[in-house]
Amino acid sequence: AKKKEVKVGLQSDTEIQIVEGLGENEAIILNTTDLKDGDKVLISEGCTHHRQCEDIGTVKLPKWVNDYTGKKLIYKYTGGVEFPLDLTPYKIIIHCGGCTLNEREMQYRIECAGDSNVPITNYGIAISYMRGILERSLKVFSEI
């Protein structure tokens, strides 16, 4: 799959990765229409940083997803090299931008999600989508 990476200034610089050649998953976004109470969401980070209060992965994202969907979801968190071999229990994966992972590892995780038929998105896409600014943010890139 050929990919393009573009930087979009939102509240901070947010990476939006467009992956071409993946058919229906051409632009990987957060689809919340199929989520139901009790569904499992995997939030995965590539780094192993010390979590602080109001951490984006373990505090802010779950709150924003719950507020946006109105659902009571179950969250599992992974960090560093930890990434589940079996992704089928999850309804969706929200992954960090992968700045501490090499391209091969990030592509492996995306492919594992695809092989398991589990949608995967990154923090930037999910946040932009839930805040209602994803489409507007992408308009500046008319060639995409």
N, C-alpha and C. Protein backbone atom coordinates (compact mmCIF):
# COMPACT_ATOMS: atom_id res chain seq x y z
N ALA A 1 0.84 -1.19 0.00
CA ALA A 1 0.00 0.00 0.00
C ALA A 1 0.88 1.24 0.00
N LYS A 2 0.53 2.16 -0.85
CA LYS A 2 1.24 3.43 -0.91
C LYS A 2 0.60 4.37 0.11
N LYS A 3 1.41 5.13 0.82
CA LYS A 3 0.81 6.02 1.81
C LYS A 3 1.36 7.43 1.67
N LYS A 4 0.52 8.36 2.07
CA LYS A 4 0.90 9.76 2.11
C LYS A 4 0.72 10.20 3.55
N GLU A 5 1.65 10.98 4.05
CA GLU A 5 1.51 11.54 5.38
C GLU A 5 1.44 13.04 5.24
N VAL A 6 0.47 13.63 5.88
CA VAL A 6 0.31 15.08 5.85
C VAL A 6 0.18 15.58 7.27
N LYS A 7 0.70 16.76 7.53
CA LYS A 7 0.55 17.37 8.85
C LYS A 7 -0.56 18.40 8.78
N VAL A 8 -1.45 18.34 9.73
CA VAL A 8 -2.57 19.27 9.77
C VAL A 8 -2.55 19.96 11.12
N GLY A 9 -2.51 21.29 11.14
CA GLY A 9 -2.50 22.01 12.40
C GLY A 9 -3.89 22.08 12.99
N LEU A 10 -4.10 21.43 14.10
CA LEU A 10 -5.37 21.50 14.80
C LEU A 10 -5.07 22.18 16.12
N GLN A 11 -5.44 21.57 17.23
CA GLN A 11 -5.05 22.14 18.51
C GLN A 11 -3.55 22.00 18.70
N SER A 12 -2.98 20.99 18.10
CA SER A 12 -1.54 20.81 18.03
C SER A 12 -1.28 20.20 16.66
N ASP A 13 -0.04 20.00 16.29
CA ASP A 13 0.22 19.34 15.01
C ASP A 13 -0.23 17.89 15.13
N THR A 14 -1.15 17.50 14.29
CA THR A 14 -1.70 16.16 14.32
C THR A 14 -1.39 15.47 13.00
N GLU A 15 -0.82 14.31 13.09
CA GLU A 15 -0.50 13.57 11.88
C GLU A 15 -1.73 12.84 11.38
N ILE A 16 -2.03 13.02 10.12
CA ILE A 16 -3.10 12.28 9.48
C ILE A 16 -2.45 11.44 8.41
N GLN A 17 -2.58 10.14 8.52
CA GLN A 17 -1.97 9.24 7.56
C GLN A 17 -3.05 8.71 6.64
N ILE A 18 -2.86 8.95 5.35
CA ILE A 18 -3.77 8.44 4.34
C ILE A 18 -3.08 7.25 3.69
N VAL A 19 -3.72 6.11 3.71
CA VAL A 19 -3.14 4.92 3.12
C VAL A 19 -3.91 4.61 1.84
N GLU A 20 -3.21 4.65 0.71
CA GLU A 20 -3.84 4.37 -0.57
C GLU A 20 -3.70 2.90 -0.90
N GLY A 21 -4.68 2.37 -1.59
CA GLY A 21 -4.60 1.00 -2.05
C GLY A 21 -5.16 -0.02 -1.08
N LEU A 22 -5.88 0.43 -0.08
CA LEU A 22 -6.46 -0.51 0.88
C LEU A 22 -7.97 -0.66 0.67
N GLY A 23 -8.44 -0.30 -0.52
CA GLY A 23 -9.86 -0.48 -0.82
C GLY A 23 -10.74 0.35 0.07
N GLU A 24 -11.65 -0.31 0.79
CA GLU A 24 -12.61 0.40 1.63
C GLU A 24 -11.94 1.18 2.75
N ASN A 25 -10.74 0.80 3.12
CA ASN A 25 -10.04 1.46 4.23
C ASN A 25 -9.11 2.56 3.74
N GLU A 26 -9.41 3.16 2.60
CA GLU A 26 -8.48 4.14 2.02
C GLU A 26 -8.12 5.25 3.01
N ALA A 27 -9.10 5.84 3.62
CA ALA A 27 -8.84 6.79 4.70
C ALA A 27 -9.36 6.13 5.96
N ILE A 28 -8.47 5.82 6.86
CA ILE A 28 -8.86 5.06 8.05
C ILE A 28 -9.39 6.04 9.09
N ILE A 29 -10.68 5.92 9.36
CA ILE A 29 -11.32 6.83 10.31
C ILE A 29 -12.06 6.02 11.37
N LEU A 30 -12.51 6.70 12.36
CA LEU A 30 -13.24 6.06 13.44
C LEU A 30 -14.71 5.92 13.05
N ASN A 31 -15.19 4.69 12.92
CA ASN A 31 -16.60 4.44 12.62
C ASN A 31 -17.28 4.04 13.92
N THR A 32 -18.08 4.93 14.43
CA THR A 32 -18.72 4.67 15.72
C THR A 32 -20.14 4.14 15.58
N THR A 33 -20.64 4.01 14.36
CA THR A 33 -22.04 3.62 14.18
C THR A 33 -22.31 2.20 14.60
N ASP A 34 -21.29 1.33 14.58
CA ASP A 34 -21.50 -0.07 14.92
C ASP A 34 -21.17 -0.40 16.37
N LEU A 35 -20.73 0.57 17.15
CA LEU A 35 -20.35 0.30 18.53
C LEU A 35 -21.58 0.11 19.41
N LYS A 36 -21.47 -0.88 20.31
CA LYS A 36 -22.56 -1.17 21.24
C LYS A 36 -21.99 -1.21 22.66
N ASP A 37 -22.86 -1.01 23.64
CA ASP A 37 -22.43 -1.14 25.03
C ASP A 37 -21.70 -2.45 25.22
N GLY A 38 -20.58 -2.41 25.92
CA GLY A 38 -19.82 -3.62 26.22
C GLY A 38 -18.79 -3.99 25.16
N ASP A 39 -18.79 -3.31 24.00
CA ASP A 39 -17.76 -3.59 22.99
C ASP A 39 -16.39 -3.22 23.53
N LYS A 40 -15.37 -3.96 23.07
CA LYS A 40 -14.01 -3.73 23.51
C LYS A 40 -13.26 -2.86 22.51
N VAL A 41 -12.55 -1.88 23.05
CA VAL A 41 -11.73 -0.96 22.26
C VAL A 41 -10.29 -1.10 22.73
N LEU A 42 -9.38 -1.30 21.78
CA LEU A 42 -7.96 -1.36 22.11
C LEU A 42 -7.34 0.00 21.84
N ILE A 43 -6.71 0.58 22.85
CA ILE A 43 -5.96 1.81 22.68
C ILE A 43 -4.49 1.45 22.86
N SER A 44 -3.72 1.64 21.78
CA SER A 44 -2.34 1.17 21.77
C SER A 44 -1.38 2.32 21.52
N GLU A 45 -0.32 2.34 22.30
CA GLU A 45 0.73 3.34 22.13
C GLU A 45 2.04 2.62 21.86
N GLY A 46 2.86 3.20 21.01
CA GLY A 46 4.15 2.61 20.68
C GLY A 46 5.18 2.83 21.76
N CYS A 47 5.04 3.91 22.50
CA CYS A 47 6.08 4.24 23.49
C CYS A 47 5.69 3.70 24.87
N THR A 48 6.61 3.83 25.77
CA THR A 48 6.39 3.35 27.14
C THR A 48 6.54 4.49 28.13
N HIS A 49 6.11 5.70 27.73
CA HIS A 49 6.28 6.87 28.58
C HIS A 49 5.56 6.71 29.91
N HIS A 50 6.00 7.47 30.88
CA HIS A 50 5.36 7.49 32.19
C HIS A 50 4.02 8.21 32.05
N ARG A 51 2.96 7.53 32.36
CA ARG A 51 1.63 8.13 32.23
C ARG A 51 1.42 9.19 33.31
N GLN A 52 0.83 10.29 32.90
CA GLN A 52 0.54 11.37 33.82
C GLN A 52 -0.97 11.54 33.92
N CYS A 53 -1.42 12.29 34.93
CA CYS A 53 -2.85 12.52 35.03
C CYS A 53 -3.33 13.19 33.75
N GLU A 54 -4.55 12.89 33.38
CA GLU A 54 -5.14 13.38 32.13
C GLU A 54 -4.37 12.88 30.90
N ASP A 55 -3.80 11.69 30.99
CA ASP A 55 -3.09 11.05 29.88
C ASP A 55 -4.03 10.90 28.69
N ILE A 56 -3.54 11.18 27.50
CA ILE A 56 -4.40 11.15 26.32
C ILE A 56 -4.92 9.75 26.03
N GLY A 57 -4.08 8.73 26.15
CA GLY A 57 -4.50 7.38 25.79
C GLY A 57 -5.39 6.70 26.80
N THR A 58 -5.14 6.93 28.08
CA THR A 58 -5.90 6.20 29.10
C THR A 58 -7.01 7.02 29.76
N VAL A 59 -7.00 8.33 29.56
CA VAL A 59 -8.02 9.17 30.19
C VAL A 59 -8.83 9.94 29.14
N LYS A 60 -8.16 10.76 28.35
CA LYS A 60 -8.88 11.65 27.44
C LYS A 60 -9.60 10.89 26.32
N LEU A 61 -8.89 9.99 25.60
CA LEU A 61 -9.54 9.27 24.50
C LEU A 61 -10.75 8.46 24.94
N PRO A 62 -10.64 7.67 26.00
CA PRO A 62 -11.84 6.93 26.43
C PRO A 62 -13.01 7.86 26.78
N LYS A 63 -12.72 8.98 27.43
CA LYS A 63 -13.79 9.93 27.75
C LYS A 63 -14.42 10.50 26.48
N TRP A 64 -13.58 10.91 25.53
CA TRP A 64 -14.10 11.48 24.28
C TRP A 64 -14.91 10.46 23.49
N VAL A 65 -14.42 9.21 23.43
CA VAL A 65 -15.16 8.17 22.69
C VAL A 65 -16.49 7.89 23.38
N ASN A 66 -16.47 7.77 24.70
CA ASN A 66 -17.72 7.53 25.43
C ASN A 66 -18.71 8.67 25.23
N ASP A 67 -18.22 9.91 25.34
CA ASP A 67 -19.09 11.07 25.14
C ASP A 67 -19.65 11.10 23.73
N TYR A 68 -18.80 10.81 22.74
CA TYR A 68 -19.22 10.87 21.34
C TYR A 68 -20.23 9.78 20.99
N THR A 69 -19.98 8.57 21.48
CA THR A 69 -20.84 7.44 21.11
C THR A 69 -22.04 7.28 22.03
N GLY A 70 -21.92 7.77 23.26
CA GLY A 70 -22.98 7.54 24.24
C GLY A 70 -23.02 6.09 24.71
N LYS A 71 -21.96 5.34 24.45
CA LYS A 71 -21.90 3.92 24.81
C LYS A 71 -20.98 3.69 26.01
N LYS A 72 -21.20 2.57 26.69
CA LYS A 72 -20.33 2.14 27.77
C LYS A 72 -19.42 1.07 27.19
N LEU A 73 -18.22 1.46 26.85
CA LEU A 73 -17.28 0.57 26.19
C LEU A 73 -16.23 0.06 27.17
N ILE A 74 -15.62 -1.04 26.82
CA ILE A 74 -14.55 -1.62 27.64
C ILE A 74 -13.23 -1.35 26.93
N TYR A 75 -12.27 -0.78 27.66
CA TYR A 75 -10.99 -0.39 27.06
C TYR A 75 -9.87 -1.28 27.57
N LYS A 76 -9.00 -1.63 26.64
CA LYS A 76 -7.74 -2.33 26.97
C LYS A 76 -6.63 -1.44 26.43
N TYR A 77 -5.54 -1.35 27.18
CA TYR A 77 -4.43 -0.47 26.81
C TYR A 77 -3.16 -1.29 26.64
N THR A 78 -2.40 -0.98 25.59
CA THR A 78 -1.09 -1.59 25.41
C THR A 78 -0.09 -0.49 25.13
N GLY A 79 1.18 -0.78 25.43
CA GLY A 79 2.23 0.19 25.18
C GLY A 79 3.53 -0.51 24.83
N GLY A 80 4.38 0.21 24.12
CA GLY A 80 5.67 -0.34 23.74
C GLY A 80 5.52 -1.49 22.75
N VAL A 81 6.27 -2.55 23.00
CA VAL A 81 6.24 -3.69 22.08
C VAL A 81 5.01 -4.58 22.31
N GLU A 82 4.27 -4.32 23.36
CA GLU A 82 3.08 -5.13 23.65
C GLU A 82 1.99 -4.82 22.63
N PHE A 83 1.56 -5.82 21.90
CA PHE A 83 0.46 -5.70 20.96
C PHE A 83 -0.18 -7.09 20.87
N PRO A 84 -1.47 -7.21 21.12
CA PRO A 84 -2.11 -8.54 21.19
C PRO A 84 -1.97 -9.32 19.88
N LEU A 85 -1.74 -10.61 20.02
CA LEU A 85 -1.72 -11.49 18.85
C LEU A 85 -3.13 -11.70 18.32
N ASP A 86 -4.10 -11.79 19.23
CA ASP A 86 -5.49 -11.98 18.85
C ASP A 86 -6.23 -10.65 18.98
N LEU A 87 -6.59 -10.08 17.85
CA LEU A 87 -7.30 -8.79 17.85
C LEU A 87 -8.80 -8.95 17.71
N THR A 88 -9.28 -10.17 17.52
CA THR A 88 -10.70 -10.39 17.26
C THR A 88 -11.64 -9.95 18.38
N PRO A 89 -11.20 -9.88 19.65
CA PRO A 89 -12.14 -9.40 20.68
C PRO A 89 -12.48 -7.91 20.55
N TYR A 90 -11.71 -7.17 19.77
CA TYR A 90 -11.87 -5.72 19.72
C TYR A 90 -12.75 -5.28 18.57
N LYS A 91 -13.56 -4.29 18.83
CA LYS A 91 -14.42 -3.72 17.81
C LYS A 91 -13.67 -2.67 16.99
N ILE A 92 -12.70 -2.00 17.63
CA ILE A 92 -11.89 -1.00 16.95
C ILE A 92 -10.57 -0.83 17.72
N ILE A 93 -9.54 -0.40 16.98
CA ILE A 93 -8.24 -0.10 17.58
C ILE A 93 -7.94 1.36 17.33
N ILE A 94 -7.58 2.07 18.39
CA ILE A 94 -7.12 3.46 18.25
C ILE A 94 -5.65 3.45 18.64
N HIS A 95 -4.80 3.76 17.68
CA HIS A 95 -3.36 3.66 17.87
C HIS A 95 -2.75 5.07 17.87
N CYS A 96 -1.67 5.22 18.61
CA CYS A 96 -0.94 6.49 18.56
C CYS A 96 -0.34 6.65 17.16
N GLY A 97 0.31 7.74 16.91
CA GLY A 97 0.94 7.98 15.61
C GLY A 97 2.15 7.12 15.34
N GLY A 98 2.63 6.42 16.33
CA GLY A 98 3.73 5.48 16.15
C GLY A 98 5.10 6.10 15.98
N CYS A 99 5.32 7.27 16.57
CA CYS A 99 6.59 7.97 16.35
C CYS A 99 7.80 7.22 16.90
N THR A 100 7.60 6.33 17.88
CA THR A 100 8.74 5.58 18.41
C THR A 100 8.86 4.20 17.77
N LEU A 101 7.93 3.86 16.88
CA LEU A 101 7.97 2.58 16.19
C LEU A 101 8.56 2.77 14.81
N ASN A 102 9.24 1.77 14.30
CA ASN A 102 9.70 1.89 12.92
C ASN A 102 8.54 1.58 11.97
N GLU A 103 8.71 1.94 10.72
CA GLU A 103 7.63 1.79 9.75
C GLU A 103 7.17 0.34 9.63
N ARG A 104 8.10 -0.57 9.68
CA ARG A 104 7.76 -1.99 9.55
C ARG A 104 6.83 -2.45 10.67
N GLU A 105 7.11 -2.03 11.92
CA GLU A 105 6.27 -2.42 13.05
C GLU A 105 4.88 -1.81 12.94
N MET A 106 4.81 -0.54 12.55
CA MET A 106 3.50 0.11 12.43
C MET A 106 2.69 -0.55 11.31
N GLN A 107 3.33 -0.85 10.19
CA GLN A 107 2.64 -1.52 9.08
C GLN A 107 2.17 -2.91 9.51
N TYR A 108 2.99 -3.61 10.30
CA TYR A 108 2.61 -4.92 10.81
C TYR A 108 1.33 -4.83 11.64
N ARG A 109 1.24 -3.82 12.50
CA ARG A 109 0.06 -3.65 13.34
C ARG A 109 -1.18 -3.34 12.51
N ILE A 110 -1.01 -2.49 11.50
CA ILE A 110 -2.13 -2.17 10.61
C ILE A 110 -2.58 -3.42 9.87
N GLU A 111 -1.63 -4.21 9.37
CA GLU A 111 -1.96 -5.43 8.64
C GLU A 111 -2.62 -6.46 9.55
N CYS A 112 -2.15 -6.58 10.79
CA CYS A 112 -2.79 -7.50 11.74
C CYS A 112 -4.25 -7.12 11.97
N ALA A 113 -4.50 -5.83 12.10
CA ALA A 113 -5.87 -5.37 12.28
C ALA A 113 -6.70 -5.72 11.04
N GLY A 114 -6.15 -5.47 9.86
CA GLY A 114 -6.87 -5.81 8.63
C GLY A 114 -7.14 -7.29 8.50
N ASP A 115 -6.14 -8.11 8.84
CA ASP A 115 -6.32 -9.57 8.78
C ASP A 115 -7.39 -10.04 9.74
N SER A 116 -7.58 -9.31 10.84
CA SER A 116 -8.59 -9.66 11.84
C SER A 116 -9.93 -8.96 11.60
N ASN A 117 -10.00 -8.18 10.53
CA ASN A 117 -11.20 -7.40 10.21
C ASN A 117 -11.60 -6.46 11.35
N VAL A 118 -10.58 -5.88 11.98
CA VAL A 118 -10.81 -4.92 13.05
C VAL A 118 -10.36 -3.55 12.55
N PRO A 119 -11.25 -2.58 12.48
CA PRO A 119 -10.85 -1.24 12.03
C PRO A 119 -9.78 -0.64 12.94
N ILE A 120 -8.83 0.06 12.35
CA ILE A 120 -7.78 0.72 13.11
C ILE A 120 -7.68 2.16 12.64
N THR A 121 -7.49 3.04 13.57
CA THR A 121 -7.32 4.45 13.27
C THR A 121 -6.24 4.99 14.21
N ASN A 122 -5.79 6.21 13.96
CA ASN A 122 -4.81 6.78 14.88
C ASN A 122 -5.46 7.88 15.72
N TYR A 123 -4.75 8.31 16.73
CA TYR A 123 -5.28 9.32 17.64
C TYR A 123 -5.77 10.55 16.88
N GLY A 124 -4.95 11.05 15.97
CA GLY A 124 -5.28 12.29 15.26
C GLY A 124 -6.57 12.19 14.46
N ILE A 125 -6.73 11.09 13.72
CA ILE A 125 -7.95 10.89 12.93
C ILE A 125 -9.15 10.78 13.86
N ALA A 126 -9.03 9.97 14.91
CA ALA A 126 -10.15 9.76 15.82
C ALA A 126 -10.57 11.07 16.49
N ILE A 127 -9.60 11.82 16.99
CA ILE A 127 -9.92 13.07 17.67
C ILE A 127 -10.54 14.07 16.69
N SER A 128 -9.94 14.21 15.51
CA SER A 128 -10.47 15.14 14.51
C SER A 128 -11.89 14.76 14.10
N TYR A 129 -12.13 13.47 13.93
CA TYR A 129 -13.45 12.99 13.55
C TYR A 129 -14.48 13.28 14.64
N MET A 130 -14.13 12.96 15.89
CA MET A 130 -15.08 13.18 16.99
C MET A 130 -15.33 14.66 17.25
N ARG A 131 -14.37 15.50 16.95
CA ARG A 131 -14.52 16.95 17.13
C ARG A 131 -15.20 17.61 15.93
N GLY A 132 -15.47 16.82 14.89
CA GLY A 132 -16.18 17.34 13.73
C GLY A 132 -15.33 18.17 12.79
N ILE A 133 -14.01 18.01 12.84
CA ILE A 133 -13.15 18.85 12.00
C ILE A 133 -12.32 18.06 11.00
N LEU A 134 -12.52 16.75 10.91
CA LEU A 134 -11.70 15.95 10.01
C LEU A 134 -11.91 16.34 8.55
N GLU A 135 -13.15 16.41 8.12
CA GLU A 135 -13.43 16.75 6.72
C GLU A 135 -12.87 18.13 6.37
N ARG A 136 -13.09 19.09 7.24
CA ARG A 136 -12.57 20.43 7.00
C ARG A 136 -11.05 20.44 6.96
N SER A 137 -10.42 19.67 7.84
CA SER A 137 -8.97 19.59 7.88
C SER A 137 -8.40 19.02 6.59
N LEU A 138 -9.10 18.06 6.00
CA LEU A 138 -8.60 17.42 4.80
C LEU A 138 -8.87 18.22 3.53
N LYS A 139 -9.76 19.19 3.57
CA LYS A 139 -10.08 19.98 2.39
C LYS A 139 -8.88 20.71 1.81
N VAL A 140 -7.93 21.05 2.66
CA VAL A 140 -6.75 21.77 2.16
C VAL A 140 -5.88 20.88 1.31
N PHE A 141 -6.14 19.57 1.36
CA PHE A 141 -5.37 18.61 0.56
C PHE A 141 -6.26 18.04 -0.53
N SER A 142 -6.61 18.86 -1.49
CA SER A 142 -7.57 18.46 -2.52
C SER A 142 -7.08 17.29 -3.35
N GLU A 143 -5.78 17.05 -3.42
CA GLU A 143 -5.27 15.94 -4.20
C GLU A 143 -5.44 14.59 -3.51
N ILE A 144 -5.84 14.58 -2.25
CA ILE A 144 -6.00 13.34 -1.50
C ILE A 144 -7.39 12.79 -1.73
